[in-house]
């Protein structure tokens, strides 16, 4: 690993930990993405955060995701994160399941393997964190029985 990659890995660690320390599964390879998605049954939901180092949007995205996933009465069955720019192959594989233009940070909510909601960076950046949390809450409430 070159010095820049090592530096970026260290910079990203607390951002990654902000989710993984709250029970978001860390998807770091295409195989872990496939295993995660294979584990989601058709009647279950999976909430995935595409993490990034972008301070303006990601600094809102992570705490909003953690807060809603922990506090909302309707909780996703599965939670995971993949780190754009760090776990490139894993992120590319997850984006195949998403089927939307690449965007990071972003959120994807799946029912089984079907994408039922996607929130790209443009709907996160520059917004009030409470509004972001309400969008996530609405998505969970509308898609979880």
C-alpha atoms as a PDB file:
ATOM      1  CA  UNK A   1       0.000   0.000   0.000  1.00  0.00           C
ATOM      2  CA  UNK A   2       1.409   3.386  -0.936  1.00  0.00           C
ATOM      3  CA  UNK A   3       1.649   6.227   1.628  1.00  0.00           C
ATOM      4  CA  UNK A   4      -1.419   8.023   0.246  1.00  0.00           C
ATOM      5  CA  UNK A   5      -3.577   4.881   0.483  1.00  0.00           C
ATOM      6  CA  UNK A   6      -2.325   4.249   4.017  1.00  0.00           C
ATOM      7  CA  UNK A   7      -3.110   7.849   4.996  1.00  0.00           C
ATOM      8  CA  UNK A   8      -6.626   7.649   3.523  1.00  0.00           C
ATOM      9  CA  UNK A   9      -7.245   4.365   5.314  1.00  0.00           C
ATOM     10  CA  UNK A  10      -6.380   6.048   8.628  1.00  0.00           C
ATOM     11  CA  UNK A  11      -8.519   9.108   7.799  1.00  0.00           C
ATOM     12  CA  UNK A  12     -11.483   6.870   6.940  1.00  0.00           C
ATOM     13  CA  UNK A  13     -11.213   4.622  10.014  1.00  0.00           C
ATOM     14  CA  UNK A  14     -13.260   6.767  12.453  1.00  0.00           C
ATOM     15  CA  UNK A  15     -15.865   7.344   9.729  1.00  0.00           C
ATOM     16  CA  UNK A  16     -16.115   3.620   9.095  1.00  0.00           C
ATOM     17  CA  UNK A  17     -16.203   2.915  12.849  1.00  0.00           C
ATOM     18  CA  UNK A  18     -19.074   5.369  13.334  1.00  0.00           C
ATOM     19  CA  UNK A  19     -21.273   2.823  11.534  1.00  0.00           C
ATOM     20  CA  UNK A  20     -19.621  -0.508  12.279  1.00  0.00           C
ATOM     21  CA  UNK A  21     -19.564   0.227  16.016  1.00  0.00           C
ATOM     22  CA  UNK A  22     -23.366   0.557  15.741  1.00  0.00           C
ATOM     23  CA  UNK A  23     -23.917  -2.869  14.186  1.00  0.00           C
ATOM     24  CA  UNK A  24     -23.675  -1.934  10.509  1.00  0.00           C
ATOM     25  CA  UNK A  25     -21.944  -4.829   8.767  1.00  0.00           C
ATOM     26  CA  UNK A  26     -18.759  -3.717   6.993  1.00  0.00           C
ATOM     27  CA  UNK A  27     -18.805  -4.816   3.349  1.00  0.00           C
ATOM     28  CA  UNK A  28     -15.227  -4.633   2.092  1.00  0.00           C
ATOM     29  CA  UNK A  29     -15.140  -7.035  -0.861  1.00  0.00           C
ATOM     30  CA  UNK A  30     -17.511  -8.072  -3.642  1.00  0.00           C
ATOM     31  CA  UNK A  31     -17.858 -11.447  -1.897  1.00  0.00           C
ATOM     32  CA  UNK A  32     -19.021  -9.817   1.357  1.00  0.00           C
ATOM     33  CA  UNK A  33     -21.554  -7.767  -0.604  1.00  0.00           C
ATOM     34  CA  UNK A  34     -22.894 -10.902  -2.300  1.00  0.00           C
ATOM     35  CA  UNK A  35     -23.041 -12.805   0.996  1.00  0.00           C
ATOM     36  CA  UNK A  36     -24.864  -9.916   2.670  1.00  0.00           C
ATOM     37  CA  UNK A  37     -27.421  -9.596  -0.128  1.00  0.00           C
ATOM     38  CA  UNK A  38     -27.891 -13.387  -0.289  1.00  0.00           C
ATOM     39  CA  UNK A  39     -28.720 -13.330   3.430  1.00  0.00           C
ATOM     40  CA  UNK A  40     -31.634 -10.890   2.955  1.00  0.00           C
ATOM     41  CA  UNK A  41     -34.839 -12.881   2.564  1.00  0.00           C
ATOM     42  CA  UNK A  42     -37.567 -11.639   0.203  1.00  0.00           C
ATOM     43  CA  UNK A  43     -39.716 -10.346   3.073  1.00  0.00           C
ATOM     44  CA  UNK A  44     -36.817  -8.650   4.900  1.00  0.00           C
ATOM     45  CA  UNK A  45     -35.282  -5.208   4.523  1.00  0.00           C
ATOM     46  CA  UNK A  46     -31.654  -4.178   4.259  1.00  0.00           C
ATOM     47  CA  UNK A  47     -30.523  -0.615   4.910  1.00  0.00           C
ATOM     48  CA  UNK A  48     -27.138   0.160   3.372  1.00  0.00           C
ATOM     49  CA  UNK A  49     -25.073   3.309   3.835  1.00  0.00           C
ATOM     50  CA  UNK A  50     -22.595   4.095   1.075  1.00  0.00           C
ATOM     51  CA  UNK A  51     -20.070   5.900   3.253  1.00  0.00           C
ATOM     52  CA  UNK A  52     -17.546   8.517   2.147  1.00  0.00           C
ATOM     53  CA  UNK A  53     -15.020  10.988   3.492  1.00  0.00           C
ATOM     54  CA  UNK A  54     -16.898  13.982   2.071  1.00  0.00           C
ATOM     55  CA  UNK A  55     -17.303  16.083   5.190  1.00  0.00           C
ATOM     56  CA  UNK A  56     -20.220  18.229   4.089  1.00  0.00           C
ATOM     57  CA  UNK A  57     -22.580  15.350   3.220  1.00  0.00           C
ATOM     58  CA  UNK A  58     -21.068  12.354   5.005  1.00  0.00           C
ATOM     59  CA  UNK A  59     -20.887  14.256   8.281  1.00  0.00           C
ATOM     60  CA  UNK A  60     -24.688  14.375   8.137  1.00  0.00           C
ATOM     61  CA  UNK A  61     -25.260  10.982   6.532  1.00  0.00           C
ATOM     62  CA  UNK A  62     -23.630   8.791   9.164  1.00  0.00           C
ATOM     63  CA  UNK A  63     -25.282  10.228  12.300  1.00  0.00           C
ATOM     64  CA  UNK A  64     -28.674  10.426  10.558  1.00  0.00           C
ATOM     65  CA  UNK A  65     -28.450   6.772   9.503  1.00  0.00           C
ATOM     66  CA  UNK A  66     -27.363   5.559  12.934  1.00  0.00           C
ATOM     67  CA  UNK A  67     -29.994   7.573  14.789  1.00  0.00           C
ATOM     68  CA  UNK A  68     -32.931   6.438  12.666  1.00  0.00           C
ATOM     69  CA  UNK A  69     -31.790   2.811  12.417  1.00  0.00           C
ATOM     70  CA  UNK A  70     -31.526   2.646  16.215  1.00  0.00           C
ATOM     71  CA  UNK A  71     -34.473   4.792  17.314  1.00  0.00           C
ATOM     72  CA  UNK A  72     -37.197   4.285  14.717  1.00  0.00           C
ATOM     73  CA  UNK A  73     -39.831   1.779  15.857  1.00  0.00           C
ATOM     74  CA  UNK A  74     -39.646   0.072  12.452  1.00  0.00           C
ATOM     75  CA  UNK A  75     -36.066  -1.164  12.109  1.00  0.00           C
ATOM     76  CA  UNK A  76     -34.411  -2.748   9.086  1.00  0.00           C
ATOM     77  CA  UNK A  77     -33.714  -6.454   9.405  1.00  0.00           C
ATOM     78  CA  UNK A  78     -30.158  -5.960   8.138  1.00  0.00           C
ATOM     79  CA  UNK A  79     -27.772  -2.988   8.173  1.00  0.00           C
ATOM     80  CA  UNK A  80     -24.523  -2.618   6.279  1.00  0.00           C
ATOM     81  CA  UNK A  81     -22.064  -0.092   4.995  1.00  0.00           C
ATOM     82  CA  UNK A  82     -19.606   0.033   2.160  1.00  0.00           C
ATOM     83  CA  UNK A  83     -16.970   2.755   1.915  1.00  0.00           C
ATOM     84  CA  UNK A  84     -16.752   4.475  -1.462  1.00  0.00           C
ATOM     85  CA  UNK A  85     -13.193   5.361  -2.367  1.00  0.00           C
ATOM     86  CA  UNK A  86     -11.829   2.814   0.097  1.00  0.00           C
ATOM     87  CA  UNK A  87     -13.516  -0.464  -0.817  1.00  0.00           C
ATOM     88  CA  UNK A  88     -13.816   0.229  -4.524  1.00  0.00           C
ATOM     89  CA  UNK A  89     -14.633  -3.286  -5.732  1.00  0.00           C
ATOM     90  CA  UNK A  90     -17.210  -3.814  -2.967  1.00  0.00           C
ATOM     91  CA  UNK A  91     -18.801  -0.448  -3.719  1.00  0.00           C
ATOM     92  CA  UNK A  92     -18.963  -1.257  -7.426  1.00  0.00           C
ATOM     93  CA  UNK A  93     -20.637  -4.595  -6.659  1.00  0.00           C
ATOM     94  CA  UNK A  94     -23.205  -2.993  -4.359  1.00  0.00           C
ATOM     95  CA  UNK A  95     -23.954  -0.372  -6.999  1.00  0.00           C
ATOM     96  CA  UNK A  96     -24.874  -3.213  -9.358  1.00  0.00           C
ATOM     97  CA  UNK A  97     -27.668  -4.119  -6.920  1.00  0.00           C
ATOM     98  CA  UNK A  98     -28.676  -0.457  -6.588  1.00  0.00           C
ATOM     99  CA  UNK A  99     -28.826   0.276 -10.318  1.00  0.00           C
ATOM    100  CA  UNK A 100     -28.638   4.064  -9.871  1.00  0.00           C
ATOM    101  CA  UNK A 101     -25.939   6.562 -10.767  1.00  0.00           C
ATOM    102  CA  UNK A 102     -22.988   6.324  -8.335  1.00  0.00           C
ATOM    103  CA  UNK A 103     -23.411   8.707  -5.428  1.00  0.00           C
ATOM    104  CA  UNK A 104     -21.609   8.921  -2.120  1.00  0.00           C
ATOM    105  CA  UNK A 105     -22.577   9.247   0.525  1.00  0.00           C
ATOM    106  CA  UNK A 106     -25.988   7.751  -0.112  1.00  0.00           C
ATOM    107  CA  UNK A 107     -28.539   5.340   1.316  1.00  0.00           C
ATOM    108  CA  UNK A 108     -30.161   2.299  -0.225  1.00  0.00           C
ATOM    109  CA  UNK A 109     -33.087   0.400   1.217  1.00  0.00           C
ATOM    110  CA  UNK A 110     -33.778  -3.052  -0.172  1.00  0.00           C
ATOM    111  CA  UNK A 111     -36.707  -5.398   0.296  1.00  0.00           C
ATOM    112  CA  UNK A 112     -35.106  -8.711  -0.480  1.00  0.00           C
ATOM    113  CA  UNK A 113     -32.753  -7.873  -3.327  1.00  0.00           C
ATOM    114  CA  UNK A 114     -35.093  -5.210  -4.734  1.00  0.00           C
ATOM    115  CA  UNK A 115     -34.203  -1.566  -4.256  1.00  0.00           C
ATOM    116  CA  UNK A 116     -37.218   0.209  -2.758  1.00  0.00           C
ATOM    117  CA  UNK A 117     -35.610   3.558  -1.891  1.00  0.00           C
ATOM    118  CA  UNK A 118     -32.420   5.363  -2.793  1.00  0.00           C
ATOM    119  CA  UNK A 119     -31.260   8.675  -1.373  1.00  0.00           C
ATOM    120  CA  UNK A 120     -28.299  10.131  -3.298  1.00  0.00           C
ATOM    121  CA  UNK A 121     -25.833  12.684  -2.023  1.00  0.00           C
ATOM    122  CA  UNK A 122     -27.863  15.523  -3.549  1.00  0.00           C
ATOM    123  CA  UNK A 123     -30.675  14.747  -1.085  1.00  0.00           C
ATOM    124  CA  UNK A 124     -28.257  14.773   1.868  1.00  0.00           C
ATOM    125  CA  UNK A 125     -25.765  17.571   1.261  1.00  0.00           C
ATOM    126  CA  UNK A 126     -26.703  20.981   2.615  1.00  0.00           C
ATOM    127  CA  UNK A 127     -29.912  19.828   4.297  1.00  0.00           C
ATOM    128  CA  UNK A 128     -30.910  19.923   7.921  1.00  0.00           C
ATOM    129  CA  UNK A 129     -30.090  16.620   9.631  1.00  0.00           C
ATOM    130  CA  UNK A 130     -33.644  16.371  10.985  1.00  0.00           C
ATOM    131  CA  UNK A 131     -35.036  16.517   7.448  1.00  0.00           C
ATOM    132  CA  UNK A 132     -32.629  13.778   6.349  1.00  0.00           C
ATOM    133  CA  UNK A 133     -33.662  11.635   9.314  1.00  0.00           C
ATOM    134  CA  UNK A 134     -37.344  12.136   8.487  1.00  0.00           C
ATOM    135  CA  UNK A 135     -36.713  10.970   4.896  1.00  0.00           C
ATOM    136  CA  UNK A 136     -34.980   7.818   6.183  1.00  0.00           C
ATOM    137  CA  UNK A 137     -37.748   7.264   8.742  1.00  0.00           C
ATOM    138  CA  UNK A 138     -40.440   7.626   6.073  1.00  0.00           C
ATOM    139  CA  UNK A 139     -38.624   5.133   3.864  1.00  0.00           C
ATOM    140  CA  UNK A 140     -38.367   2.589   6.668  1.00  0.00           C
ATOM    141  CA  UNK A 141     -41.962   3.146   7.793  1.00  0.00           C
ATOM    142  CA  UNK A 142     -43.276   2.716   4.240  1.00  0.00           C
ATOM    143  CA  UNK A 143     -41.318  -0.471   3.539  1.00  0.00           C
ATOM    144  CA  UNK A 144     -41.247  -2.417   6.801  1.00  0.00           C
ATOM    145  CA  UNK A 145     -44.309  -4.289   7.959  1.00  0.00           C
END
